[in-house]
């Protein structure tokens, strides 16, 4: 096990674990200041992880968090997820570990890599950046990081591209959704919750219903 952790992917994994512990500690610490804010942080985290960044950002806006805080929270959540799952895929690829729980997800990413093989062969790391930044299902940072590995990019190059693309995407999403919510609030005071429910419904459709067909 120590041999695996001494590799570059192992270092990424360790950093991801420490970042996760620090993030959880910050949420726990927030409970001593404001239970309401701490609960909101926890809900944003779970919402982003399960239903995607659009839902996480929408919830943050619905509870009146500042744009800067929403951006930072969602970036941290997504990058921690990448730093933990990406090394697990590399270990699985090298047959160092067998991770049954993630087998189906990894298989779908490999299929996606084959589907867009011409695109990635032509544009390489620039294509990966666009793929991570583009706001469609199955184009997020975790999938992008794994595809970066599959097209032969070095670990830290992949992490840099994915981090930059993810951060830019979250900034764009945050301000875009804020403007949408401002427009919709003129129609209904429940607009933020309706928008949140819409993103959750879309995520449920693509993640659970469509995948079962």
Foldseek 3Di string as FASTA:
>chain_A
DVVLLPDPLNVLQVVLVVLVVVVVVVLVVVCVVPVVVSVLLVVLLVCCVQQNLLLSLLSCVVVPDDLVVSLVSNLSSQLSVQSNVLSVVVCVVVVVDDDVVCVVVSVVLVVVCVVCVVVCVVQPLVSLLCQCQDPDPCSHLNSSLNSNVVVPHDNVSSSVSRSVSRSVSSSVSNVVVVVVQVVCVVVPVCSSVVSSVVSNVVSCCVPPVVVVD
